[in-house]
Protein backbone atom coordinates (compact mmCIF):
# COMPACT_ATOMS: atom_id res chain seq x y z
CA UNK A 1 -38.91 72.83 173.49
CA UNK A 2 -41.30 75.61 174.45
CA UNK A 3 -42.17 77.80 171.47
CA UNK A 4 -42.39 81.56 172.05
CA UNK A 5 -42.61 84.69 169.95
CA UNK A 6 -40.37 87.48 171.25
CA UNK A 7 -40.32 91.12 170.16
CA UNK A 8 -37.07 92.83 171.14
CA UNK A 9 -37.10 96.60 171.60
CA UNK A 10 -33.33 97.03 171.31
CA UNK A 11 -30.92 99.10 169.21
CA UNK A 12 -27.82 96.97 169.99
CA UNK A 13 -27.71 93.81 167.83
CA UNK A 14 -25.08 92.20 170.07
CA UNK A 15 -27.46 92.39 173.06
CA UNK A 16 -30.20 90.78 170.96
CA UNK A 17 -27.92 87.90 169.94
CA UNK A 18 -26.83 87.34 173.55
CA UNK A 19 -30.41 87.27 174.83
CA UNK A 20 -31.43 84.89 172.00
CA UNK A 21 -28.55 82.59 172.88
CA UNK A 22 -29.62 82.50 176.56
CA UNK A 23 -33.24 81.76 175.64
CA UNK A 24 -32.33 78.89 173.28
CA UNK A 25 -29.87 77.49 175.77
CA UNK A 26 -32.67 77.59 178.34
CA UNK A 27 -34.96 75.40 176.21
CA UNK A 28 -36.97 77.92 174.19
CA UNK A 29 -37.75 77.63 170.46
CA UNK A 30 -37.73 81.33 169.65
CA UNK A 31 -39.38 83.19 166.78
CA UNK A 32 -38.33 86.81 167.06
CA UNK A 33 -38.38 90.28 165.55
CA UNK A 34 -36.50 93.42 166.48
CA UNK A 35 -37.73 97.01 166.79
CA UNK A 36 -34.81 99.43 167.00
CA UNK A 37 -36.81 102.62 167.61
CA UNK A 38 -40.25 104.06 168.28
CA UNK A 39 -41.45 103.88 164.68
CA UNK A 40 -40.47 100.23 164.22
CA UNK A 41 -42.05 99.33 167.55
CA UNK A 42 -45.45 100.71 166.53
CA UNK A 43 -45.15 99.12 163.08
CA UNK A 44 -44.38 95.63 164.44
CA UNK A 45 -46.12 95.35 167.82
CA UNK A 46 -49.63 94.49 166.57
CA UNK A 47 -48.94 92.30 163.50
CA UNK A 48 -46.15 90.30 165.15
CA UNK A 49 -48.38 89.18 168.07
CA UNK A 50 -45.55 88.60 170.52
CA UNK A 51 -45.86 86.28 173.52
CA UNK A 52 -43.40 88.51 175.40
CA UNK A 53 -41.70 91.85 174.84
CA UNK A 54 -38.10 92.38 175.96
CA UNK A 55 -37.42 96.11 175.95
CA UNK A 56 -34.31 98.16 176.59
CA UNK A 57 -35.03 100.58 179.39
CA UNK A 58 -33.85 103.55 177.36
CA UNK A 59 -33.40 104.13 173.60
CA UNK A 60 -32.55 107.47 172.01
CA UNK A 61 -36.18 108.20 170.98
CA UNK A 62 -38.17 105.74 173.09
CA UNK A 63 -38.15 104.15 176.54
CA UNK A 64 -39.28 100.82 177.89
CA UNK A 65 -41.77 102.57 180.15
CA UNK A 66 -43.30 104.32 177.11
CA UNK A 67 -43.52 100.93 175.41
CA UNK A 68 -45.51 99.57 178.38
CA UNK A 69 -47.93 102.51 178.21
CA UNK A 70 -48.26 102.10 174.43
CA UNK A 71 -49.15 98.41 174.83
CA UNK A 72 -51.79 99.32 177.38
CA UNK A 73 -53.38 101.83 174.99
CA UNK A 74 -53.29 99.31 172.15
CA UNK A 75 -54.94 96.64 174.36
CA UNK A 76 -51.87 94.40 174.04
CA UNK A 77 -51.54 92.27 177.16
CA UNK A 78 -48.21 90.51 176.48
CA UNK A 79 -45.77 90.73 179.44
CA UNK A 80 -42.90 93.22 179.18
CA UNK A 81 -39.46 92.63 180.66
CA UNK A 82 -37.30 95.74 180.96
CA UNK A 83 -33.56 95.18 180.52
CA UNK A 84 -30.86 97.79 180.97
CA UNK A 85 -27.12 98.22 181.23
CA UNK A 86 -27.37 100.48 184.24
CA UNK A 87 -29.91 101.11 186.94
CA UNK A 88 -30.62 100.90 190.62
CA UNK A 89 -33.18 99.54 193.03
CA UNK A 90 -35.46 102.58 192.77
CA UNK A 91 -35.56 102.33 188.96
CA UNK A 92 -36.49 98.66 189.28
CA UNK A 93 -39.32 99.46 191.73
CA UNK A 94 -40.65 102.25 189.49
CA UNK A 95 -40.53 99.98 186.46
CA UNK A 96 -42.53 97.25 188.17
CA UNK A 97 -45.01 99.84 189.42
CA UNK A 98 -45.49 101.09 185.83
CA UNK A 99 -46.38 97.59 184.65
CA UNK A 100 -43.16 95.74 183.84
CA UNK A 101 -43.31 92.03 184.64
CA UNK A 102 -39.58 91.96 185.50
CA UNK A 103 -36.48 94.18 185.50
CA UNK A 104 -33.09 92.70 184.53
CA UNK A 105 -29.59 94.15 184.41
CA UNK A 106 -27.61 93.25 181.28
CA UNK A 107 -24.54 92.51 183.35
CA UNK A 108 -26.55 89.88 185.24
CA UNK A 109 -27.82 88.01 182.17
CA UNK A 110 -27.18 84.58 183.70
CA UNK A 111 -30.50 82.87 184.36
CA UNK A 112 -32.20 85.03 181.74
CA UNK A 113 -34.23 82.12 180.33
CA UNK A 114 -35.53 81.23 183.80
CA UNK A 115 -36.60 84.85 184.34
CA UNK A 116 -38.46 84.84 181.00
CA UNK A 117 -40.16 81.54 181.88
CA UNK A 118 -41.21 83.01 185.23
CA UNK A 119 -42.58 86.14 183.52
CA UNK A 120 -44.60 84.01 181.08
CA UNK A 121 -45.97 81.88 183.92
CA UNK A 122 -46.93 84.96 185.94
CA UNK A 123 -48.63 86.44 182.88
CA UNK A 124 -50.51 83.19 182.21
CA UNK A 125 -51.74 83.11 185.83
CA UNK A 126 -52.83 86.74 185.57
CA UNK A 127 -54.69 86.04 182.33
CA UNK A 128 -56.42 83.06 183.90
CA UNK A 129 -57.46 85.15 186.88
CA UNK A 130 -58.70 87.91 184.58
CA UNK A 131 -60.69 85.42 182.51
CA UNK A 132 -62.21 83.95 185.68
CA UNK A 133 -63.00 87.46 186.90
CA UNK A 134 -64.66 88.40 183.60
CA UNK A 135 -66.63 85.15 183.51
CA UNK A 136 -67.71 85.69 187.11
CA UNK A 137 -68.84 89.20 186.23
CA UNK A 138 -70.70 87.92 183.18
CA UNK A 139 -72.46 85.22 185.21
CA UNK A 140 -73.31 87.69 187.97
CA UNK A 141 -74.75 90.08 185.39
CA UNK A 142 -76.67 87.24 183.77
CA UNK A 143 -78.01 86.12 187.17
CA UNK A 144 -78.97 89.70 188.07
CA UNK A 145 -80.73 90.13 184.72
CA UNK A 146 -82.62 86.85 185.15
CA UNK A 147 -83.63 87.70 188.73
CA UNK A 148 -84.69 91.20 187.67
CA UNK A 149 -86.82 89.84 184.83
CA UNK A 150 -88.30 87.18 187.11
CA UNK A 151 -89.16 89.78 189.76
CA UNK A 152 -90.71 92.17 187.26
CA UNK A 153 -92.46 89.20 185.65
CA UNK A 154 -94.06 88.28 188.97
CA UNK A 155 -95.11 91.89 189.43
CA UNK A 156 -96.54 92.04 185.91
CA UNK A 157 -98.35 88.74 186.45
CA UNK A 158 -99.85 89.98 189.70
CA UNK A 159 -100.97 93.24 188.10
CA UNK A 160 -102.44 91.29 185.18
CA UNK A 161 -104.35 89.00 187.56
CA UNK A 162 -105.91 91.92 189.46
CA UNK A 163 -106.60 93.81 186.23
CA UNK A 164 -108.27 90.72 184.74
CA UNK A 165 -110.61 90.60 187.73
CA UNK A 166 -111.58 94.23 187.20
CA UNK A 167 -112.00 93.71 183.45
CA UNK A 168 -114.18 90.68 184.09
CA UNK A 169 -116.49 92.82 186.20
CA UNK A 170 -116.53 95.66 183.66
CA UNK A 171 -117.11 93.40 180.67
CA UNK A 172 -119.59 91.25 182.57
CA UNK A 173 -121.82 94.03 183.82
CA UNK A 174 -121.60 95.77 180.43
CA UNK A 175 -122.69 92.65 178.56
CA UNK A 176 -125.47 92.10 181.14
CA UNK A 177 -126.67 95.66 180.56
CA UNK A 178 -126.59 95.20 176.80
CA UNK A 179 -128.82 92.14 177.14
CA UNK A 180 -131.51 94.19 178.89
CA UNK A 181 -131.46 97.18 176.50
CA UNK A 182 -133.73 97.65 173.53
CA UNK A 183 -131.99 97.52 170.17
CA UNK A 184 -132.72 101.22 169.58
CA UNK A 185 -131.54 102.39 173.00
CA UNK A 186 -129.34 105.54 172.71
CA UNK A 187 -126.85 104.18 175.27
CA UNK A 188 -126.35 100.82 173.56
CA UNK A 189 -123.57 102.25 171.39
CA UNK A 190 -121.89 103.74 174.47
CA UNK A 191 -121.90 100.39 176.24
CA UNK A 192 -120.56 98.67 173.13
CA UNK A 193 -117.65 101.11 173.12
CA UNK A 194 -116.98 100.25 176.78
CA UNK A 195 -116.91 96.57 175.79
CA UNK A 196 -114.58 97.22 172.84
CA UNK A 197 -112.16 99.27 174.96
CA UNK A 198 -112.22 96.54 177.61
CA UNK A 199 -111.24 94.00 174.96
CA UNK A 200 -108.29 96.21 173.99
CA UNK A 201 -107.29 96.38 177.65
CA UNK A 202 -107.61 92.60 177.74
CA UNK A 203 -105.10 92.36 174.86
CA UNK A 204 -102.65 94.46 176.88
CA UNK A 205 -103.14 92.12 179.85
CA UNK A 206 -102.34 89.18 177.57
CA UNK A 207 -99.05 90.88 176.71
CA UNK A 208 -98.28 91.23 180.42
CA UNK A 209 -99.14 87.57 180.95
CA UNK A 210 -96.97 86.56 178.00
CA UNK A 211 -94.06 88.52 179.48
CA UNK A 212 -94.56 86.95 182.90
CA UNK A 213 -94.89 83.49 181.28
CA UNK A 214 -98.47 83.08 182.40
CA UNK A 215 -99.57 82.20 178.86
CA UNK A 216 -99.12 78.47 178.20
CA UNK A 217 -96.79 77.05 175.57
CA UNK A 218 -98.51 74.92 172.97
CA UNK A 219 -95.51 72.92 171.77
CA UNK A 220 -95.74 71.46 168.28
CA UNK A 221 -93.31 70.54 165.52
CA UNK A 222 -92.35 73.77 163.75
CA UNK A 223 -90.45 74.24 160.49
CA UNK A 224 -88.70 77.50 161.32
CA UNK A 225 -87.99 78.41 157.69
CA UNK A 226 -91.58 77.62 156.77
CA UNK A 227 -92.87 79.76 159.64
CA UNK A 228 -90.81 82.75 158.47
CA UNK A 229 -91.90 82.32 154.84
CA UNK A 230 -95.54 81.99 155.92
CA UNK A 231 -95.42 85.25 157.88
CA UNK A 232 -93.27 87.35 155.56
CA UNK A 233 -96.28 88.83 153.72
CA UNK A 234 -97.87 89.87 157.00
CA UNK A 235 -94.56 91.33 158.17
CA UNK A 236 -94.43 93.37 154.95
CA UNK A 237 -97.76 94.90 155.92
CA UNK A 238 -96.43 95.66 159.43
CA UNK A 239 -93.37 97.55 158.12
CA UNK A 240 -93.40 100.28 155.51
CA UNK A 241 -93.35 99.45 151.78
CA UNK A 242 -89.99 101.22 151.59
CA UNK A 243 -88.45 98.60 153.93
CA UNK A 244 -86.83 95.78 151.99
CA UNK A 245 -87.22 92.35 153.58
CA UNK A 246 -84.48 89.80 152.85
CA UNK A 247 -84.47 86.10 153.71
CA UNK A 248 -81.30 84.03 154.11
CA UNK A 249 -82.62 80.67 155.28
CA UNK A 250 -80.34 77.66 155.64
CA UNK A 251 -81.89 74.57 154.12
CA UNK A 252 -82.26 71.27 156.01
CA UNK A 253 -82.72 73.13 159.28
CA UNK A 254 -83.78 70.79 162.13
CA UNK A 255 -87.44 70.78 163.11
CA UNK A 256 -87.93 72.48 166.49
CA UNK A 257 -90.61 71.92 169.12
CA UNK A 258 -92.08 75.29 169.99
CA UNK A 259 -95.20 77.39 170.27
CA UNK A 260 -95.87 78.57 166.71
CA UNK A 261 -98.10 81.42 167.87
CA UNK A 262 -95.50 82.80 170.25
CA UNK A 263 -92.72 82.52 167.65
CA UNK A 264 -94.94 84.42 165.21
CA UNK A 265 -95.37 87.11 167.89
CA UNK A 266 -91.58 87.18 168.29
CA UNK A 267 -91.06 87.81 164.55
CA UNK A 268 -93.68 90.56 164.51
CA UNK A 269 -92.22 92.28 167.57
CA UNK A 270 -88.77 92.28 165.97
CA UNK A 271 -90.25 93.65 162.74
CA UNK A 272 -92.07 96.48 164.55
CA UNK A 273 -88.91 97.33 166.50
CA UNK A 274 -86.86 97.40 163.28
CA UNK A 275 -89.48 99.48 161.44
CA UNK A 276 -89.36 102.16 164.13
CA UNK A 277 -85.55 102.09 164.26
CA UNK A 278 -85.30 102.53 160.46
CA UNK A 279 -88.04 105.20 160.34
CA UNK A 280 -89.70 103.42 157.45
CA UNK A 281 -86.69 102.96 155.16
CA UNK A 282 -83.96 100.34 155.11
CA UNK A 283 -83.31 96.59 155.04
CA UNK A 284 -84.74 94.01 157.44
CA UNK A 285 -83.13 90.56 157.16
CA UNK A 286 -84.15 87.22 158.66
CA UNK A 287 -81.40 84.60 158.63
CA UNK A 288 -81.51 81.03 159.95
CA UNK A 289 -78.73 78.51 160.47
CA UNK A 290 -77.58 75.61 162.59
CA UNK A 291 -75.45 76.66 165.53
CA UNK A 292 -71.72 76.12 165.22
CA UNK A 293 -70.07 73.56 167.56
CA UNK A 294 -68.47 76.26 169.72
CA UNK A 295 -71.85 78.01 170.05
CA UNK A 296 -73.42 74.68 171.04
CA UNK A 297 -70.86 74.26 173.82
CA UNK A 298 -71.33 77.81 175.08
CA UNK A 299 -75.11 77.47 175.13
CA UNK A 300 -74.98 74.08 176.85
CA UNK A 301 -72.59 75.54 179.45
CA UNK A 302 -74.99 78.48 179.91
CA UNK A 303 -77.82 76.05 180.66
CA UNK A 304 -75.92 74.01 183.24
CA UNK A 305 -74.51 71.43 180.85
CA UNK A 306 -77.81 70.44 179.23
CA UNK A 307 -76.87 68.70 175.98
CA UNK A 308 -79.01 70.25 173.25
CA UNK A 309 -78.76 71.13 169.60
CA UNK A 310 -79.68 74.73 168.76
CA UNK A 311 -80.76 76.70 165.73
CA UNK A 312 -80.19 80.42 165.36
CA UNK A 313 -82.44 83.12 163.91
CA UNK A 314 -80.62 86.39 163.22
CA UNK A 315 -82.76 89.48 162.73
CA UNK A 316 -80.78 92.42 161.37
CA UNK A 317 -81.89 95.95 160.52
CA UNK A 318 -80.17 99.01 159.09
CA UNK A 319 -81.70 101.41 161.57
CA UNK A 320 -80.29 103.95 163.97
CA UNK A 321 -78.71 101.35 166.24
CA UNK A 322 -78.72 101.14 170.01
CA UNK A 323 -76.46 103.29 172.23
CA UNK A 324 -74.08 101.17 174.30
CA UNK A 325 -75.57 102.48 177.54
CA UNK A 326 -79.04 101.26 176.59
CA UNK A 327 -78.29 97.70 175.40
CA UNK A 328 -78.59 96.27 178.91
CA UNK A 329 -82.05 97.85 179.28
CA UNK A 330 -83.75 97.06 175.97
CA UNK A 331 -85.34 93.86 177.30
CA UNK A 332 -86.67 95.57 180.41
CA UNK A 333 -90.47 95.76 180.44
CA UNK A 334 -91.95 99.22 179.83
CA UNK A 335 -88.57 100.61 178.75
CA UNK A 336 -88.94 102.51 175.49
CA UNK A 337 -87.22 105.34 173.66
CA UNK A 338 -90.32 106.02 171.54
CA UNK A 339 -92.54 109.05 171.94
CA UNK A 340 -95.43 108.89 174.39
CA UNK A 341 -98.32 106.90 172.93
CA UNK A 342 -96.17 105.15 170.29
CA UNK A 343 -95.18 102.08 172.24
CA UNK A 344 -95.81 100.15 175.44
CA UNK A 345 -92.19 99.15 176.04
CA UNK A 346 -93.25 95.49 176.08
CA UNK A 347 -92.17 94.41 172.58
CA UNK A 348 -88.62 93.25 173.29
CA UNK A 349 -89.51 92.24 176.86
CA UNK A 350 -92.03 89.79 175.38
CA UNK A 351 -89.35 88.58 172.94
CA UNK A 352 -87.03 87.88 175.87
CA UNK A 353 -89.77 86.04 177.74
CA UNK A 354 -90.75 83.94 174.70
CA UNK A 355 -87.16 82.93 173.99
CA UNK A 356 -86.24 82.06 177.57
CA UNK A 357 -89.60 80.31 177.98
CA UNK A 358 -88.54 78.00 175.13
CA UNK A 359 -85.23 77.31 176.87
CA UNK A 360 -83.31 79.57 174.48
CA UNK A 361 -81.21 82.70 174.57
CA UNK A 362 -81.09 86.05 172.78
CA UNK A 363 -78.01 88.21 172.13
CA UNK A 364 -77.84 91.68 170.63
CA UNK A 365 -75.05 93.47 168.80
CA UNK A 366 -75.43 97.09 167.75
CA UNK A 367 -73.44 100.16 166.85
CA UNK A 368 -75.17 103.56 166.86
CA UNK A 369 -75.82 104.60 163.28
CA UNK A 370 -75.19 101.11 161.88
CA UNK A 371 -78.29 99.15 162.82
CA UNK A 372 -78.82 96.26 165.20
CA UNK A 373 -78.52 92.48 165.00
CA UNK A 374 -80.45 90.13 167.30
CA UNK A 375 -79.47 86.45 167.52
CA UNK A 376 -82.13 84.13 168.88
CA UNK A 377 -80.96 80.63 169.86
CA UNK A 378 -83.68 77.97 170.18
CA UNK A 379 -83.22 74.34 171.23
CA UNK A 380 -84.45 71.59 168.92
CA UNK A 381 -85.49 69.34 171.82
CA UNK A 382 -88.77 67.48 171.91
CA UNK A 383 -91.50 68.37 174.38
CA UNK A 384 -90.53 66.44 177.50
CA UNK A 385 -93.97 66.35 179.07
CA UNK A 386 -96.90 67.13 176.80
CA UNK A 387 -99.36 66.79 179.67
CA UNK A 388 -97.59 69.46 181.62
CA UNK A 389 -97.86 71.84 178.67
CA UNK A 390 -101.64 71.60 178.59
CA UNK A 391 -103.68 74.37 177.09
CA UNK A 392 -107.08 75.47 178.26
CA UNK A 393 -110.14 74.62 176.19
CA UNK A 394 -110.21 76.72 173.05
CA UNK A 395 -112.50 79.74 173.39
CA UNK A 396 -114.09 81.38 170.38
CA UNK A 397 -114.94 85.03 169.96
CA UNK A 398 -118.14 86.24 171.55
CA UNK A 399 -119.69 86.62 168.11
CA UNK A 400 -119.44 82.83 167.69
CA UNK A 401 -120.89 82.10 171.13
CA UNK A 402 -124.39 83.48 170.98
CA UNK A 403 -126.58 80.37 170.86
CA UNK A 404 -130.07 80.44 172.34
CA UNK A 405 -129.64 80.18 176.12
CA UNK A 406 -132.50 78.14 177.58
CA UNK A 407 -133.59 79.14 181.08
CA UNK A 408 -133.44 76.14 183.40
CA UNK A 409 -133.64 75.42 187.09
CA UNK A 410 -130.20 73.84 187.49
CA UNK A 411 -128.14 74.71 190.57
CA UNK A 412 -124.67 76.21 190.31
CA UNK A 413 -122.15 76.41 193.15
CA UNK A 414 -120.20 79.63 192.57
CA UNK A 415 -116.83 79.96 194.37
CA UNK A 416 -115.19 83.38 194.15
CA UNK A 417 -113.26 85.38 196.76
CA UNK A 418 -113.69 88.77 195.02
CA UNK A 419 -116.99 90.21 196.22
CA UNK A 420 -117.54 92.26 193.04
CA UNK A 421 -117.04 89.24 190.78
CA UNK A 422 -119.14 87.05 193.05
CA UNK A 423 -122.02 89.55 192.91
CA UNK A 424 -121.75 89.95 189.13
CA UNK A 425 -121.58 86.20 188.52
CA UNK A 426 -124.56 85.62 190.81
CA UNK A 427 -126.62 88.26 188.99
CA UNK A 428 -125.56 86.89 185.62
CA UNK A 429 -126.38 83.26 186.49
CA UNK A 430 -129.71 84.19 188.00
CA UNK A 431 -130.58 86.22 184.90
CA UNK A 432 -130.00 83.04 182.90
CA UNK A 433 -132.38 81.11 185.11
CA UNK A 434 -129.94 79.21 187.33
CA UNK A 435 -130.21 78.80 191.07
CA UNK A 436 -126.99 80.00 192.68
CA UNK A 437 -125.23 78.93 195.85
CA UNK A 438 -122.12 81.02 196.51
CA UNK A 439 -118.96 80.52 198.58
CA UNK A 440 -116.11 82.91 199.37
CA UNK A 441 -113.24 80.40 199.31
CA UNK A 442 -112.38 76.74 198.85
CA UNK A 443 -112.95 75.79 202.49
CA UNK A 444 -116.48 77.22 202.54
CA UNK A 445 -117.19 75.60 199.16
CA UNK A 446 -115.99 72.21 200.43
CA UNK A 447 -118.39 72.38 203.39
CA UNK A 448 -121.30 73.37 201.13
CA UNK A 449 -120.55 70.70 198.53
CA UNK A 450 -120.22 68.02 201.18
CA UNK A 451 -123.76 68.76 202.39
CA UNK A 452 -125.47 69.54 199.06
CA UNK A 453 -123.49 67.88 196.26
CA UNK A 454 -126.51 65.79 195.17
CA UNK A 455 -128.48 68.94 194.26
CA UNK A 456 -125.55 70.86 192.74
CA UNK A 457 -125.39 70.42 188.96
CA UNK A 458 -122.29 72.49 188.25
CA UNK A 459 -119.37 74.08 190.11
CA UNK A 460 -117.75 77.29 188.85
CA UNK A 461 -114.64 78.13 190.87
CA UNK A 462 -111.89 80.72 190.73
CA UNK A 463 -108.40 79.22 190.81
CA UNK A 464 -106.52 81.57 193.15
CA UNK A 465 -108.25 82.06 196.49
CA UNK A 466 -107.20 82.35 200.15
CA UNK A 467 -107.30 79.30 202.44
CA UNK A 468 -107.84 76.79 199.63
CA UNK A 469 -107.25 77.13 195.89
CA UNK A 470 -109.68 76.10 193.19
CA UNK A 471 -107.47 73.13 192.27
CA UNK A 472 -107.44 71.87 195.86
CA UNK A 473 -111.21 72.29 196.10
CA UNK A 474 -111.65 70.39 192.82
CA UNK A 475 -109.69 67.43 194.22
CA UNK A 476 -111.94 67.33 197.30
CA UNK A 477 -115.12 67.70 195.23
CA UNK A 478 -113.93 64.93 192.91
CA UNK A 479 -113.41 62.65 195.89
CA UNK A 480 -117.01 63.29 197.01
CA UNK A 481 -118.51 62.99 193.52
CA UNK A 482 -116.49 61.42 190.72
CA UNK A 483 -118.93 62.83 188.12
CA UNK A 484 -118.68 66.43 189.32
CA UNK A 485 -119.00 69.02 186.54
CA UNK A 486 -116.42 71.66 187.24
CA UNK A 487 -115.41 74.87 185.41
CA UNK A 488 -112.16 76.44 186.63
CA UNK A 489 -111.90 80.21 186.11
CA UNK A 490 -108.43 81.73 185.90
CA UNK A 491 -106.39 84.56 184.47
CA UNK A 492 -103.24 82.41 184.42
CA UNK A 493 -102.08 79.54 182.28
CA UNK A 494 -101.94 76.06 183.78
CA UNK A 495 -98.63 74.82 182.39
CA UNK A 496 -97.23 74.33 185.89
CA UNK A 497 -100.21 72.24 187.06
CA UNK A 498 -100.55 68.49 186.87
CA UNK A 499 -101.96 67.48 183.53
CA UNK A 500 -104.28 64.78 184.92
CA UNK A 501 -106.02 67.21 187.28
CA UNK A 502 -106.66 69.63 184.42
CA UNK A 503 -107.92 66.88 182.11
CA UNK A 504 -110.45 65.71 184.71
CA UNK A 505 -112.10 69.14 184.77
CA UNK A 506 -115.04 69.88 182.51
CA UNK A 507 -113.61 73.16 181.18
CA UNK A 508 -111.21 76.03 181.81
CA UNK A 509 -112.52 79.60 181.44
CA UNK A 510 -109.97 82.36 180.98
CA UNK A 511 -110.55 85.84 182.39
CA UNK A 512 -111.78 88.29 181.32
CA UNK A 513 -114.99 86.96 179.82
CA UNK A 514 -118.41 88.24 178.81
CA UNK A 515 -121.85 86.98 179.74
CA UNK A 516 -122.24 85.35 176.32
CA UNK A 517 -119.02 83.44 176.66
CA UNK A 518 -119.65 81.97 180.12
CA UNK A 519 -123.33 81.34 179.35
CA UNK A 520 -122.48 79.27 176.28
CA UNK A 521 -119.76 77.36 178.12
CA UNK A 522 -122.11 76.52 181.02
CA UNK A 523 -124.69 75.10 178.62
CA UNK A 524 -122.02 73.15 176.78
CA UNK A 525 -120.77 71.54 180.02
CA UNK A 526 -124.26 70.84 181.42
CA UNK A 527 -125.52 69.36 178.15
CA UNK A 528 -122.59 66.98 177.71
């Protein structure tokens, strides 16, 4: 028998008994309750949780139509059948238009169970269609958000690339000028300030590159609880002393494979965001746990059925909360509600990029005036291709790269499409005593190297160039000379490149760089 819960809105007990008899005769196992007036209806409708409501069209203080409207306001979606002792075709049409699933005359009660079954089936189909519609809307919104972030990420990456080129020229010429000035020159301090400001601009570019996923992931085994504990003292310094930091860390959490540096940046960005939302006073909590089975299924469905185990970090604050109209925008780059000069609008955008770059997801729940809660879901998978996640050769600060540079007569092939950078690099290399042969793109460099590779001691090539990229040129140069010494210069990460090609290179130099940095790297490569 089919079990159903029925709420009768009816003041005649005989009618209720007759309708119950028809339902049970028709194969239903009925659990029921009766509301005889308006007050009883509102008292019973929510707690009873009816599968269907059978309402008399007209009671002394309440009507079936009013019951339909009340259900709509209370967000109760159960189907409503109106039943009456008198009526006509127009009343039936009006009732259906107002939201009734069916309209039945009491004198025509035969077949009542079949009508109820039909109403339940129609309602179930409608609910299925509504669920599909909502899921379609959710997926469309998710796709739009992903495409928007990808588009803005490409834009940010392109801006960062061009800005890196300009910074390389600024920092390069400034460091060249500093090398020629006397220690007591009055403009030395001015040039040092230019260099310091350029480094700050370089940090901003790194944030853009992190958002656009142009910074490589260095995947290692990470104890998430240990990472949070290790950084909690630093986070305390980031937030005000009046902010209480609480940890609720589930023990025996699975080890995850992730970039520890980027996860640290994620924690700091959340802490800064919470500090500003709480205006220096409140509670900031970090909570970790294994994902529940239903969350696992939802996340695996979200990522096209990929079977993964996930852990969850929940970051909760007691700040001002996020208005509903702004939640969809908080991960947009450069979107900020802070005063001018108090934020770049990249903090949560970088969080989004870090999480999705790790194959995870981030959800937010907030009520204005009651704080915000961010849930970050991260997969526990192993790195599938360590070679593909290669990281460029570690570069130290300029202060650590000031060895004595010996002036030699070695020949360097310089490949750079930007005229300003090509001129600077030529001047810089010549000032260090190198002979320089320059090319504007990979095709020109290939022709030069084919003719003169025996006299060329080192190749320094930009990665992104018209006609032929630096990687393509490296492959051709390697074919001509298997021992070629090759430094690839780039403002991007190389995680999408083939690991073997990168490993065969002598070094990777990230833009922007100073004269000291490239000079030391050149000597290191040539002296190997």
